[in-house]
Protein backbone atom coordinates (compact mmCIF):
# COMPACT_ATOMS: atom_id res chain seq x y z
CA MET A 1 -142.01 181.57 14.72
CA PRO A 2 -143.39 183.62 11.80
CA ASP A 3 -143.95 180.52 9.69
CA ASP A 4 -146.40 178.92 12.16
CA VAL A 5 -149.83 178.32 10.66
CA GLU A 6 -153.03 177.34 12.46
CA TYR A 7 -155.13 174.90 10.43
CA LYS A 8 -158.21 172.95 11.56
CA GLY A 9 -157.08 172.90 15.18
CA TRP A 10 -153.49 172.01 14.33
CA VAL A 11 -150.43 174.25 14.55
CA ILE A 12 -148.06 173.69 11.63
CA GLU A 13 -144.52 174.81 12.36
CA ALA A 14 -142.32 175.13 9.27
CA GLN A 15 -138.84 173.78 9.96
CA SER A 16 -137.15 173.47 6.58
CA HIS A 17 -133.39 173.08 6.70
CA LYS A 18 -130.47 173.78 4.44
CA SER A 19 -129.04 170.76 2.71
CA ALA A 20 -125.99 170.08 0.59
CA GLY A 21 -125.60 172.43 -2.33
CA ASP A 22 -127.22 175.37 -0.51
CA ARG A 23 -130.73 174.15 -1.28
CA TRP A 24 -133.56 173.85 1.21
CA ARG A 25 -135.32 170.62 2.20
CA PRO A 26 -139.01 171.10 3.17
CA HIS A 27 -139.94 169.93 6.66
CA ALA A 28 -142.74 170.79 9.07
CA LEU A 29 -144.03 169.75 12.46
CA ALA A 30 -147.80 169.47 12.93
CA ILE A 31 -149.00 169.75 16.53
CA ILE A 32 -152.44 169.32 18.07
CA TYR A 33 -153.42 169.58 21.70
CA VAL A 34 -155.86 166.90 22.84
CA GLY A 35 -156.89 167.39 26.44
CA PRO A 36 -153.76 167.35 28.56
CA SER A 37 -151.63 165.71 25.88
CA THR A 38 -149.89 166.87 22.74
CA ARG A 39 -149.64 164.96 19.48
CA GLU A 40 -146.89 165.78 17.03
CA HIS A 41 -146.29 164.56 13.49
CA HIS A 42 -143.30 165.33 11.29
CA VAL A 43 -143.72 165.99 7.57
CA SER A 44 -140.83 165.85 5.13
CA ALA A 45 -140.81 166.16 1.39
CA LEU A 46 -139.36 163.48 -0.86
CA PRO A 47 -135.54 163.59 -1.05
CA ASN A 48 -135.49 165.24 -4.48
CA ASP A 49 -137.96 167.99 -3.49
CA MET A 50 -135.51 170.82 -2.81
CA TYR A 51 -135.99 174.58 -3.04
CA ASP A 52 -133.67 177.52 -3.59
CA THR A 53 -135.08 179.52 -0.68
CA GLU A 54 -136.13 178.72 2.86
CA GLN A 55 -139.40 180.57 2.28
CA ASP A 56 -140.34 178.38 -0.69
CA ALA A 57 -139.39 175.20 1.17
CA ASN A 58 -141.44 176.24 4.20
CA ALA A 59 -144.47 177.06 2.05
CA TYR A 60 -144.31 173.62 0.45
CA ALA A 61 -143.87 171.90 3.84
CA VAL A 62 -146.95 173.67 5.22
CA GLU A 63 -148.99 172.59 2.18
CA LEU A 64 -147.84 168.97 2.67
CA ALA A 65 -148.93 169.08 6.31
CA LYS A 66 -152.33 170.50 5.34
CA MET A 67 -152.82 167.70 2.81
CA ARG A 68 -152.02 165.10 5.47
CA ILE A 69 -154.45 166.71 7.91
CA ASP A 70 -157.16 166.88 5.22
CA SER A 71 -156.66 163.23 4.28
CA GLN A 72 -157.15 162.31 7.93
CA VAL A 73 -153.93 160.34 7.97
CA TRP A 74 -153.51 161.79 11.46
CA ARG A 75 -156.37 161.91 13.87
CA PRO A 76 -156.55 164.13 16.93
């Protein structure tokens, strides 16, 4: 997927989706491989955070995932 981003050992896969009113809801999946296992975390924006384009929603979702990784909310 062209919106995949590698960040600090994680792969962030943008998965924003179209919502009511033809606006886009930011969503991403953050994946890290730890030995033989995989850990996945979903990131979604707040309900009112909607964007006019898929590209803008994906960019925001990736930034949210990076912030979560940086805050060490998720550990490998």
